[in-house]
């Protein structure tokens, strides 16, 4: 008998098919379905925290109750990690595909140019976020970037960031700072009544700006992009991927064989 059990999430936008892996809820959506659903949030001015989860994020969900609350309350939760896709298949509740955050962000930027949606970039070093805005504007001449802000600020600056966003009223806010800070910040901003689509994009600004190269396509297709990133930043990412992935694999195995 299949172990696949679909979880339905009731929202004002309809019902999303969802599964649960290791206490983390994930939408059964491919990239195109995600974009179509996100646009409904924009069109109806419905606030959205667009979440992408990988093995590291799921590990954090299982060790941080506040993170668990934030992640599982998001309107859209994508699988942004090959390990999550493989785990879903192993647990017999397969997800359609990996929805990579950097690709999804760029697709949403392209959509914004086409439909006239506004964009705000928040995160990274000042030079990186400026270059990201420059690159995106070159690729999408009609794109409306209403503001940028680097990621070097403290919690005491959150109210001023909120005030600026309320003044600029962006449809999309792409947040390129580290976890769990970015999730906490987005949670705070949503509590302030913002109706934007907030998306945490990790190191996407570094990739788009050219500050850090992205893995070649063949490496992406081989599900080895994580290894390419570790080679680039071993001190920062070795523990996250090698230790974290082992923790994730053991947890998935126990989930599969629990009685």
C-alpha atoms as a PDB file:
ATOM      1  CA  UNK A   1       0.000   0.000   0.000  1.00  0.00           C
ATOM      2  CA  UNK A   2       1.335   3.439  -0.857  1.00  0.00           C
ATOM      3  CA  UNK A   3       2.482   5.569   2.067  1.00  0.00           C
ATOM      4  CA  UNK A   4       1.622   8.726   0.156  1.00  0.00           C
ATOM      5  CA  UNK A   5      -0.872  10.880   2.016  1.00  0.00           C
ATOM      6  CA  UNK A   6      -1.785  14.214   0.583  1.00  0.00           C
ATOM      7  CA  UNK A   7      -2.310  17.103   2.996  1.00  0.00           C
ATOM      8  CA  UNK A   8      -4.668  19.850   1.921  1.00  0.00           C
ATOM      9  CA  UNK A   9      -3.984  23.449   2.907  1.00  0.00           C
ATOM     10  CA  UNK A  10      -7.016  25.676   2.875  1.00  0.00           C
ATOM     11  CA  UNK A  11      -6.221  29.232   1.757  1.00  0.00           C
ATOM     12  CA  UNK A  12      -8.290  32.042   0.319  1.00  0.00           C
ATOM     13  CA  UNK A  13      -6.675  31.165  -2.995  1.00  0.00           C
ATOM     14  CA  UNK A  14      -7.823  27.578  -3.018  1.00  0.00           C
ATOM     15  CA  UNK A  15      -6.441  24.267  -1.902  1.00  0.00           C
ATOM     16  CA  UNK A  16      -2.820  23.337  -2.311  1.00  0.00           C
ATOM     17  CA  UNK A  17      -1.881  19.637  -2.413  1.00  0.00           C
ATOM     18  CA  UNK A  18       0.796  19.052   0.230  1.00  0.00           C
ATOM     19  CA  UNK A  19       2.861  16.307   1.785  1.00  0.00           C
ATOM     20  CA  UNK A  20       4.830  16.146   5.026  1.00  0.00           C
ATOM     21  CA  UNK A  21       8.440  15.010   5.312  1.00  0.00           C
ATOM     22  CA  UNK A  22      10.038  14.938   8.773  1.00  0.00           C
ATOM     23  CA  UNK A  23       7.505  17.390  10.235  1.00  0.00           C
ATOM     24  CA  UNK A  24       7.943  19.779   7.304  1.00  0.00           C
ATOM     25  CA  UNK A  25       5.040  20.526   4.993  1.00  0.00           C
ATOM     26  CA  UNK A  26       5.884  20.765   1.277  1.00  0.00           C
ATOM     27  CA  UNK A  27       3.695  21.677  -1.699  1.00  0.00           C
ATOM     28  CA  UNK A  28       3.358  19.187  -4.547  1.00  0.00           C
ATOM     29  CA  UNK A  29       4.137  21.807  -7.178  1.00  0.00           C
ATOM     30  CA  UNK A  30       6.554  22.106 -10.070  1.00  0.00           C
ATOM     31  CA  UNK A  31       8.143  25.423 -11.047  1.00  0.00           C
ATOM     32  CA  UNK A  32       5.438  26.441 -13.525  1.00  0.00           C
ATOM     33  CA  UNK A  33       2.623  25.665 -11.080  1.00  0.00           C
ATOM     34  CA  UNK A  34       4.454  27.624  -8.406  1.00  0.00           C
ATOM     35  CA  UNK A  35       4.766  30.703 -10.609  1.00  0.00           C
ATOM     36  CA  UNK A  36       1.085  30.560 -11.558  1.00  0.00           C
ATOM     37  CA  UNK A  37       0.058  30.288  -7.911  1.00  0.00           C
ATOM     38  CA  UNK A  38       2.418  33.067  -6.796  1.00  0.00           C
ATOM     39  CA  UNK A  39       0.883  35.383  -9.369  1.00  0.00           C
ATOM     40  CA  UNK A  40      -2.528  34.865  -7.791  1.00  0.00           C
ATOM     41  CA  UNK A  41      -1.120  36.190  -4.527  1.00  0.00           C
ATOM     42  CA  UNK A  42       0.240  39.243  -6.317  1.00  0.00           C
ATOM     43  CA  UNK A  43      -2.991  39.910  -8.188  1.00  0.00           C
ATOM     44  CA  UNK A  44      -5.093  39.699  -5.008  1.00  0.00           C
ATOM     45  CA  UNK A  45      -2.554  41.600  -2.843  1.00  0.00           C
ATOM     46  CA  UNK A  46      -2.474  38.617  -0.507  1.00  0.00           C
ATOM     47  CA  UNK A  47       0.675  38.477   1.657  1.00  0.00           C
ATOM     48  CA  UNK A  48       2.896  35.490   0.961  1.00  0.00           C
ATOM     49  CA  UNK A  49       6.041  34.009   2.424  1.00  0.00           C
ATOM     50  CA  UNK A  50       7.360  31.919  -0.470  1.00  0.00           C
ATOM     51  CA  UNK A  51       9.523  29.256   1.164  1.00  0.00           C
ATOM     52  CA  UNK A  52      12.077  26.840  -0.264  1.00  0.00           C
ATOM     53  CA  UNK A  53      13.251  23.938   1.894  1.00  0.00           C
ATOM     54  CA  UNK A  54      16.295  21.712   1.586  1.00  0.00           C
ATOM     55  CA  UNK A  55      17.807  19.139   3.948  1.00  0.00           C
ATOM     56  CA  UNK A  56      19.420  21.844   6.069  1.00  0.00           C
ATOM     57  CA  UNK A  57      16.139  23.703   6.483  1.00  0.00           C
ATOM     58  CA  UNK A  58      14.276  20.528   7.412  1.00  0.00           C
ATOM     59  CA  UNK A  59      16.945  19.744  10.004  1.00  0.00           C
ATOM     60  CA  UNK A  60      16.414  23.205  11.442  1.00  0.00           C
ATOM     61  CA  UNK A  61      12.654  22.729  11.518  1.00  0.00           C
ATOM     62  CA  UNK A  62      13.214  19.671  13.697  1.00  0.00           C
ATOM     63  CA  UNK A  63      15.493  21.515  16.123  1.00  0.00           C
ATOM     64  CA  UNK A  64      13.820  24.931  16.251  1.00  0.00           C
ATOM     65  CA  UNK A  65      10.139  25.195  17.154  1.00  0.00           C
ATOM     66  CA  UNK A  66       9.867  28.798  15.969  1.00  0.00           C
ATOM     67  CA  UNK A  67      11.321  27.875  12.593  1.00  0.00           C
ATOM     68  CA  UNK A  68       8.899  24.972  12.385  1.00  0.00           C
ATOM     69  CA  UNK A  69       6.000  27.367  12.993  1.00  0.00           C
ATOM     70  CA  UNK A  70       7.253  29.823  10.368  1.00  0.00           C
ATOM     71  CA  UNK A  71       7.968  27.249   7.658  1.00  0.00           C
ATOM     72  CA  UNK A  72       4.762  25.277   8.037  1.00  0.00           C
ATOM     73  CA  UNK A  73       2.626  28.429   8.026  1.00  0.00           C
ATOM     74  CA  UNK A  74       3.978  29.636   4.659  1.00  0.00           C
ATOM     75  CA  UNK A  75       1.498  29.895   1.818  1.00  0.00           C
ATOM     76  CA  UNK A  76       3.803  28.094  -0.628  1.00  0.00           C
ATOM     77  CA  UNK A  77       6.607  25.718   0.369  1.00  0.00           C
ATOM     78  CA  UNK A  78       8.818  24.345  -2.407  1.00  0.00           C
ATOM     79  CA  UNK A  79      11.399  21.566  -2.377  1.00  0.00           C
ATOM     80  CA  UNK A  80      14.652  23.430  -3.088  1.00  0.00           C
ATOM     81  CA  UNK A  81      17.061  20.544  -2.709  1.00  0.00           C
ATOM     82  CA  UNK A  82      17.808  17.319  -4.562  1.00  0.00           C
ATOM     83  CA  UNK A  83      17.961  15.445  -1.258  1.00  0.00           C
ATOM     84  CA  UNK A  84      14.365  16.428  -0.497  1.00  0.00           C
ATOM     85  CA  UNK A  85      13.195  15.121  -3.883  1.00  0.00           C
ATOM     86  CA  UNK A  86      15.064  11.841  -3.362  1.00  0.00           C
ATOM     87  CA  UNK A  87      13.624  11.526   0.145  1.00  0.00           C
ATOM     88  CA  UNK A  88      10.089  12.078  -1.139  1.00  0.00           C
ATOM     89  CA  UNK A  89      10.519   9.227  -3.616  1.00  0.00           C
ATOM     90  CA  UNK A  90      12.049   6.949  -0.972  1.00  0.00           C
ATOM     91  CA  UNK A  91       9.106   7.677   1.338  1.00  0.00           C
ATOM     92  CA  UNK A  92       6.666   6.945  -1.518  1.00  0.00           C
ATOM     93  CA  UNK A  93       5.190  10.419  -1.655  1.00  0.00           C
ATOM     94  CA  UNK A  94       7.078  11.785  -4.654  1.00  0.00           C
ATOM     95  CA  UNK A  95       7.419  15.486  -5.381  1.00  0.00           C
ATOM     96  CA  UNK A  96       7.455  16.477  -9.085  1.00  0.00           C
ATOM     97  CA  UNK A  97      10.788  18.308  -9.222  1.00  0.00           C
ATOM     98  CA  UNK A  98      13.270  20.494  -7.443  1.00  0.00           C
ATOM     99  CA  UNK A  99      12.244  24.148  -7.588  1.00  0.00           C
ATOM    100  CA  UNK A 100      15.624  25.872  -7.311  1.00  0.00           C
ATOM    101  CA  UNK A 101      15.411  29.229  -5.565  1.00  0.00           C
ATOM    102  CA  UNK A 102      17.756  31.101  -7.901  1.00  0.00           C
ATOM    103  CA  UNK A 103      15.814  29.896 -10.964  1.00  0.00           C
ATOM    104  CA  UNK A 104      12.446  30.662  -9.390  1.00  0.00           C
ATOM    105  CA  UNK A 105      13.590  34.161  -8.462  1.00  0.00           C
ATOM    106  CA  UNK A 106      14.724  34.878 -12.018  1.00  0.00           C
ATOM    107  CA  UNK A 107      11.475  33.515 -13.441  1.00  0.00           C
ATOM    108  CA  UNK A 108       9.499  35.755 -11.101  1.00  0.00           C
ATOM    109  CA  UNK A 109      11.642  38.721 -12.141  1.00  0.00           C
ATOM    110  CA  UNK A 110      10.870  37.946 -15.788  1.00  0.00           C
ATOM    111  CA  UNK A 111       7.179  37.728 -14.894  1.00  0.00           C
ATOM    112  CA  UNK A 112       7.434  41.086 -13.128  1.00  0.00           C
ATOM    113  CA  UNK A 113       8.827  42.762 -16.215  1.00  0.00           C
ATOM    114  CA  UNK A 114       6.099  41.236 -18.367  1.00  0.00           C
ATOM    115  CA  UNK A 115       3.220  42.105 -16.041  1.00  0.00           C
ATOM    116  CA  UNK A 116       4.548  45.359 -14.569  1.00  0.00           C
ATOM    117  CA  UNK A 117       5.042  44.071 -11.036  1.00  0.00           C
ATOM    118  CA  UNK A 118       7.510  45.933  -8.829  1.00  0.00           C
ATOM    119  CA  UNK A 119      10.575  44.412  -7.175  1.00  0.00           C
ATOM    120  CA  UNK A 120      12.690  45.223  -4.109  1.00  0.00           C
ATOM    121  CA  UNK A 121      16.094  43.625  -3.424  1.00  0.00           C
ATOM    122  CA  UNK A 122      17.114  43.214   0.213  1.00  0.00           C
ATOM    123  CA  UNK A 123      20.375  41.576   1.244  1.00  0.00           C
ATOM    124  CA  UNK A 124      24.049  40.847   0.507  1.00  0.00           C
ATOM    125  CA  UNK A 125      26.898  43.362   0.485  1.00  0.00           C
ATOM    126  CA  UNK A 126      26.124  46.798  -0.932  1.00  0.00           C
ATOM    127  CA  UNK A 127      28.269  46.233  -4.029  1.00  0.00           C
ATOM    128  CA  UNK A 128      26.644  42.836  -4.645  1.00  0.00           C
ATOM    129  CA  UNK A 129      23.039  44.028  -4.336  1.00  0.00           C
ATOM    130  CA  UNK A 130      23.828  47.035  -6.558  1.00  0.00           C
ATOM    131  CA  UNK A 131      25.365  44.751  -9.184  1.00  0.00           C
ATOM    132  CA  UNK A 132      22.399  42.378  -8.926  1.00  0.00           C
ATOM    133  CA  UNK A 133      20.017  45.257  -9.631  1.00  0.00           C
ATOM    134  CA  UNK A 134      22.198  46.350 -12.544  1.00  0.00           C
ATOM    135  CA  UNK A 135      22.297  42.861 -14.075  1.00  0.00           C
ATOM    136  CA  UNK A 136      18.559  42.335 -13.688  1.00  0.00           C
ATOM    137  CA  UNK A 137      17.838  45.744 -15.219  1.00  0.00           C
ATOM    138  CA  UNK A 138      20.081  44.928 -18.194  1.00  0.00           C
ATOM    139  CA  UNK A 139      18.324  41.588 -18.724  1.00  0.00           C
ATOM    140  CA  UNK A 140      14.875  43.087 -18.202  1.00  0.00           C
ATOM    141  CA  UNK A 141      14.884  46.752 -19.339  1.00  0.00           C
ATOM    142  CA  UNK A 142      11.269  47.359 -18.341  1.00  0.00           C
ATOM    143  CA  UNK A 143      11.665  45.828 -14.870  1.00  0.00           C
ATOM    144  CA  UNK A 144      10.513  48.164 -12.089  1.00  0.00           C
ATOM    145  CA  UNK A 145      13.052  47.883  -9.264  1.00  0.00           C
ATOM    146  CA  UNK A 146      11.649  50.213  -6.609  1.00  0.00           C
ATOM    147  CA  UNK A 147      14.506  49.874  -4.145  1.00  0.00           C
ATOM    148  CA  UNK A 148      17.527  48.013  -2.841  1.00  0.00           C
ATOM    149  CA  UNK A 149      19.047  47.594   0.625  1.00  0.00           C
ATOM    150  CA  UNK A 150      22.120  45.668   1.705  1.00  0.00           C
ATOM    151  CA  UNK A 151      21.898  42.849   4.243  1.00  0.00           C
ATOM    152  CA  UNK A 152      24.100  44.444   6.882  1.00  0.00           C
ATOM    153  CA  UNK A 153      21.701  45.699   9.503  1.00  0.00           C
ATOM    154  CA  UNK A 154      20.571  44.823  13.023  1.00  0.00           C
ATOM    155  CA  UNK A 155      17.169  43.957  14.432  1.00  0.00           C
ATOM    156  CA  UNK A 156      16.838  47.560  15.616  1.00  0.00           C
ATOM    157  CA  UNK A 157      16.769  48.568  11.928  1.00  0.00           C
ATOM    158  CA  UNK A 158      13.784  46.363  11.102  1.00  0.00           C
ATOM    159  CA  UNK A 159      11.185  49.123  11.722  1.00  0.00           C
ATOM    160  CA  UNK A 160      12.942  51.484   9.306  1.00  0.00           C
ATOM    161  CA  UNK A 161      13.122  48.738   6.671  1.00  0.00           C
ATOM    162  CA  UNK A 162       9.420  48.097   7.186  1.00  0.00           C
ATOM    163  CA  UNK A 163       8.683  51.813   6.809  1.00  0.00           C
ATOM    164  CA  UNK A 164      10.622  51.966   3.537  1.00  0.00           C
ATOM    165  CA  UNK A 165       8.789  48.944   2.150  1.00  0.00           C
ATOM    166  CA  UNK A 166       5.445  50.489   3.065  1.00  0.00           C
ATOM    167  CA  UNK A 167       6.463  53.610   1.168  1.00  0.00           C
ATOM    168  CA  UNK A 168       7.723  51.723  -1.917  1.00  0.00           C
ATOM    169  CA  UNK A 169       4.931  49.095  -1.935  1.00  0.00           C
ATOM    170  CA  UNK A 170       6.814  46.396  -3.902  1.00  0.00           C
ATOM    171  CA  UNK A 171       4.949  43.390  -5.236  1.00  0.00           C
ATOM    172  CA  UNK A 172       8.025  41.203  -4.648  1.00  0.00           C
ATOM    173  CA  UNK A 173      10.675  41.460  -1.939  1.00  0.00           C
ATOM    174  CA  UNK A 174      13.629  39.144  -2.537  1.00  0.00           C
ATOM    175  CA  UNK A 175      15.555  38.646   0.713  1.00  0.00           C
ATOM    176  CA  UNK A 176      19.177  37.542   0.350  1.00  0.00           C
ATOM    177  CA  UNK A 177      20.387  37.150   3.922  1.00  0.00           C
ATOM    178  CA  UNK A 178      21.277  34.077   5.957  1.00  0.00           C
ATOM    179  CA  UNK A 179      18.934  31.742   7.791  1.00  0.00           C
ATOM    180  CA  UNK A 180      17.313  31.835  10.248  1.00  0.00           C
ATOM    181  CA  UNK A 181      17.542  35.626  10.247  1.00  0.00           C
ATOM    182  CA  UNK A 182      15.759  35.997   6.919  1.00  0.00           C
ATOM    183  CA  UNK A 183      12.812  33.883   8.100  1.00  0.00           C
ATOM    184  CA  UNK A 184      12.565  35.885  11.322  1.00  0.00           C
ATOM    185  CA  UNK A 185      12.709  39.166   9.380  1.00  0.00           C
ATOM    186  CA  UNK A 186      10.040  38.095   6.898  1.00  0.00           C
ATOM    187  CA  UNK A 187       7.830  36.943   9.770  1.00  0.00           C
ATOM    188  CA  UNK A 188       8.252  40.362  11.392  1.00  0.00           C
ATOM    189  CA  UNK A 189       7.467  42.232   8.181  1.00  0.00           C
ATOM    190  CA  UNK A 190       4.347  40.178   7.560  1.00  0.00           C
ATOM    191  CA  UNK A 191       3.224  40.954  11.105  1.00  0.00           C
ATOM    192  CA  UNK A 192       3.536  44.645  10.163  1.00  0.00           C
ATOM    193  CA  UNK A 193       0.818  44.210   7.556  1.00  0.00           C
ATOM    194  CA  UNK A 194       2.849  44.085   4.330  1.00  0.00           C
ATOM    195  CA  UNK A 195       1.078  42.501   1.376  1.00  0.00           C
ATOM    196  CA  UNK A 196       4.174  41.762  -0.719  1.00  0.00           C
ATOM    197  CA  UNK A 197       5.375  38.361  -1.811  1.00  0.00           C
ATOM    198  CA  UNK A 198       8.467  37.764   0.321  1.00  0.00           C
ATOM    199  CA  UNK A 199      10.963  35.209  -0.928  1.00  0.00           C
ATOM    200  CA  UNK A 200      14.175  34.216   0.811  1.00  0.00           C
ATOM    201  CA  UNK A 201      16.750  33.696  -1.931  1.00  0.00           C
ATOM    202  CA  UNK A 202      19.888  32.721  -0.011  1.00  0.00           C
ATOM    203  CA  UNK A 203      22.976  33.370  -2.138  1.00  0.00           C
ATOM    204  CA  UNK A 204      21.065  34.155  -5.338  1.00  0.00           C
ATOM    205  CA  UNK A 205      22.300  37.762  -5.399  1.00  0.00           C
ATOM    206  CA  UNK A 206      25.888  36.493  -5.410  1.00  0.00           C
ATOM    207  CA  UNK A 207      25.110  34.190  -8.335  1.00  0.00           C
ATOM    208  CA  UNK A 208      23.156  36.748 -10.392  1.00  0.00           C
ATOM    209  CA  UNK A 209      25.763  39.459  -9.818  1.00  0.00           C
ATOM    210  CA  UNK A 210      28.538  37.094 -10.873  1.00  0.00           C
ATOM    211  CA  UNK A 211      30.205  37.268  -7.478  1.00  0.00           C
ATOM    212  CA  UNK A 212      29.941  33.463  -7.174  1.00  0.00           C
ATOM    213  CA  UNK A 213      29.670  31.176 -10.239  1.00  0.00           C
ATOM    214  CA  UNK A 214      26.788  28.752 -10.509  1.00  0.00           C
ATOM    215  CA  UNK A 215      27.384  25.072 -11.150  1.00  0.00           C
ATOM    216  CA  UNK A 216      27.381  24.030 -14.821  1.00  0.00           C
ATOM    217  CA  UNK A 217      24.098  22.634 -16.076  1.00  0.00           C
ATOM    218  CA  UNK A 218      25.366  19.049 -16.167  1.00  0.00           C
ATOM    219  CA  UNK A 219      26.251  19.267 -12.466  1.00  0.00           C
ATOM    220  CA  UNK A 220      22.800  20.657 -11.690  1.00  0.00           C
ATOM    221  CA  UNK A 221      21.149  17.820 -13.619  1.00  0.00           C
ATOM    222  CA  UNK A 222      23.306  15.278 -11.772  1.00  0.00           C
ATOM    223  CA  UNK A 223      21.965  16.644  -8.454  1.00  0.00           C
ATOM    224  CA  UNK A 224      25.490  17.657  -7.431  1.00  0.00           C
ATOM    225  CA  UNK A 225      25.087  21.421  -7.221  1.00  0.00           C
ATOM    226  CA  UNK A 226      25.453  21.182  -3.440  1.00  0.00           C
ATOM    227  CA  UNK A 227      28.928  19.656  -3.887  1.00  0.00           C
ATOM    228  CA  UNK A 228      29.919  22.425  -6.296  1.00  0.00           C
ATOM    229  CA  UNK A 229      28.925  24.972  -3.632  1.00  0.00           C
ATOM    230  CA  UNK A 230      30.912  23.177  -0.936  1.00  0.00           C
ATOM    231  CA  UNK A 231      34.020  23.255  -3.128  1.00  0.00           C
ATOM    232  CA  UNK A 232      33.521  27.008  -3.555  1.00  0.00           C
ATOM    233  CA  UNK A 233      33.000  27.738   0.163  1.00  0.00           C
ATOM    234  CA  UNK A 234      34.308  24.736   2.144  1.00  0.00           C
ATOM    235  CA  UNK A 235      34.717  26.481   5.504  1.00  0.00           C
ATOM    236  CA  UNK A 236      31.178  27.811   5.515  1.00  0.00           C
ATOM    237  CA  UNK A 237      29.337  24.920   3.874  1.00  0.00           C
ATOM    238  CA  UNK A 238      31.169  21.683   4.749  1.00  0.00           C
ATOM    239  CA  UNK A 239      29.336  21.147   8.034  1.00  0.00           C
ATOM    240  CA  UNK A 240      25.972  22.151   6.580  1.00  0.00           C
ATOM    241  CA  UNK A 241      26.102  19.706   3.693  1.00  0.00           C
ATOM    242  CA  UNK A 242      28.223  16.782   4.834  1.00  0.00           C
ATOM    243  CA  UNK A 243      27.159  16.644   8.488  1.00  0.00           C
ATOM    244  CA  UNK A 244      23.679  18.051   7.842  1.00  0.00           C
ATOM    245  CA  UNK A 245      22.940  15.677   4.970  1.00  0.00           C
ATOM    246  CA  UNK A 246      23.976  12.701   7.093  1.00  0.00           C
ATOM    247  CA  UNK A 247      21.595  13.815   9.850  1.00  0.00           C
ATOM    248  CA  UNK A 248      18.850  14.193   7.246  1.00  0.00           C
ATOM    249  CA  UNK A 249      19.495  10.769   5.676  1.00  0.00           C
ATOM    250  CA  UNK A 250      19.352   9.021   9.055  1.00  0.00           C
ATOM    251  CA  UNK A 251      16.107  10.806   9.929  1.00  0.00           C
ATOM    252  CA  UNK A 252      14.516   9.855   6.587  1.00  0.00           C
ATOM    253  CA  UNK A 253      15.549   6.220   7.089  1.00  0.00           C
ATOM    254  CA  UNK A 254      13.977   6.173  10.570  1.00  0.00           C
ATOM    255  CA  UNK A 255      10.827   7.795   9.158  1.00  0.00           C
ATOM    256  CA  UNK A 256      10.589   5.075   6.513  1.00  0.00           C
ATOM    257  CA  UNK A 257      10.966   2.209   8.968  1.00  0.00           C
ATOM    258  CA  UNK A 258       9.152   3.497  12.020  1.00  0.00           C
ATOM    259  CA  UNK A 259       6.236   1.409  13.220  1.00  0.00           C
END
